[in-house]
Amino acid sequence: MSTVVSAKIPKELKKKADKYGIKIGKLLREALKKKIRVLENQMLSSELDDLCSKIGPKIRKDDIVKAVRSSRDER
């Protein structure tokens, strides 16, 4: 399911996008996905830092990251 999102842009910008064959909808979807991925990674990194500080120095952040990656690779 999808939803419609609209944005106002200057006419000149729209003309240039058309001139260069830029698909605005596709570009916006890709940019939004990329931004969300960055924000989610920042949030997960912050949560991982909090977790590491709670469990102490015995387990390093790198060890947790390696364990998660290893688990994902096994799938």
Protein backbone atom coordinates (compact mmCIF):
# COMPACT_ATOMS: atom_id res chain seq x y z
CA MET A 1 0.00 0.00 0.00
CA SER A 2 1.24 3.47 -0.70
CA THR A 3 0.32 7.04 0.07
CA VAL A 4 0.59 10.25 -1.88
CA VAL A 5 3.00 12.95 -0.76
CA SER A 6 3.24 16.25 -2.57
CA ALA A 7 5.91 18.93 -2.58
CA LYS A 8 6.02 22.37 -4.12
CA ILE A 9 9.11 23.17 -6.12
CA PRO A 10 9.97 26.20 -8.24
CA LYS A 11 8.86 25.96 -11.90
CA GLU A 12 12.43 26.44 -13.07
CA LEU A 13 13.57 23.46 -11.01
CA LYS A 14 10.81 21.31 -12.51
CA LYS A 15 11.80 22.41 -16.02
CA LYS A 16 15.42 21.46 -15.38
CA ALA A 17 14.40 18.09 -13.95
CA ASP A 18 12.34 17.43 -17.07
CA LYS A 19 15.19 18.58 -19.30
CA TYR A 20 17.57 16.08 -17.73
CA GLY A 21 15.02 13.27 -17.54
CA ILE A 22 14.97 13.18 -13.75
CA LYS A 23 12.08 11.17 -12.36
CA ILE A 24 11.21 13.28 -9.33
CA GLY A 25 9.06 10.66 -7.61
CA LYS A 26 11.74 7.99 -7.93
CA LEU A 27 14.43 10.40 -6.74
CA LEU A 28 12.38 11.40 -3.69
CA ARG A 29 11.67 7.76 -2.76
CA GLU A 30 15.37 6.88 -3.00
CA ALA A 31 16.46 9.94 -1.02
CA LEU A 32 13.86 9.23 1.68
CA LYS A 33 14.94 5.58 1.96
CA LYS A 34 18.58 6.64 2.26
CA LYS A 35 17.82 9.25 4.93
CA ILE A 36 15.74 6.78 6.95
CA ARG A 37 18.52 4.18 6.71
CA VAL A 38 21.06 6.71 8.03
CA LEU A 39 18.79 7.74 10.92
CA GLU A 40 18.02 4.13 11.84
CA ASN A 41 21.73 3.29 11.84
CA GLN A 42 22.44 6.28 14.08
CA MET A 43 19.67 5.22 16.46
CA LEU A 44 20.92 1.62 16.57
CA SER A 45 24.48 2.76 17.16
CA SER A 46 23.32 4.94 20.04
CA GLU A 47 21.32 2.07 21.53
CA LEU A 48 24.33 -0.21 21.16
CA ASP A 49 26.51 2.34 22.96
CA ASP A 50 23.97 2.47 25.79
CA LEU A 51 23.88 -1.31 25.99
CA CYS A 52 27.67 -1.56 26.04
CA SER A 53 27.89 0.96 28.86
CA LYS A 54 25.38 -1.07 30.90
CA ILE A 55 27.05 -4.46 30.46
CA GLY A 56 30.49 -3.13 31.26
CA PRO A 57 33.95 -3.43 29.78
CA LYS A 58 33.88 -7.23 29.45
CA ILE A 59 32.13 -7.10 26.07
CA ARG A 60 33.26 -4.60 23.46
CA LYS A 61 30.98 -2.93 20.93
CA ASP A 62 32.98 -4.48 18.07
CA ASP A 63 32.35 -7.97 19.49
CA ILE A 64 28.59 -7.37 19.52
CA VAL A 65 28.63 -6.03 15.96
CA LYS A 66 30.64 -9.06 14.76
CA ALA A 67 28.23 -11.44 16.49
CA VAL A 68 25.20 -9.80 14.87
CA ARG A 69 26.82 -9.83 11.42
CA SER A 70 27.83 -13.45 11.83
CA SER A 71 24.29 -14.38 12.82
CA ARG A 72 22.88 -12.57 9.78
CA ASP A 73 25.36 -14.26 7.43
CA GLU A 74 24.25 -17.70 8.63
CA ARG A 75 20.71 -17.11 7.37
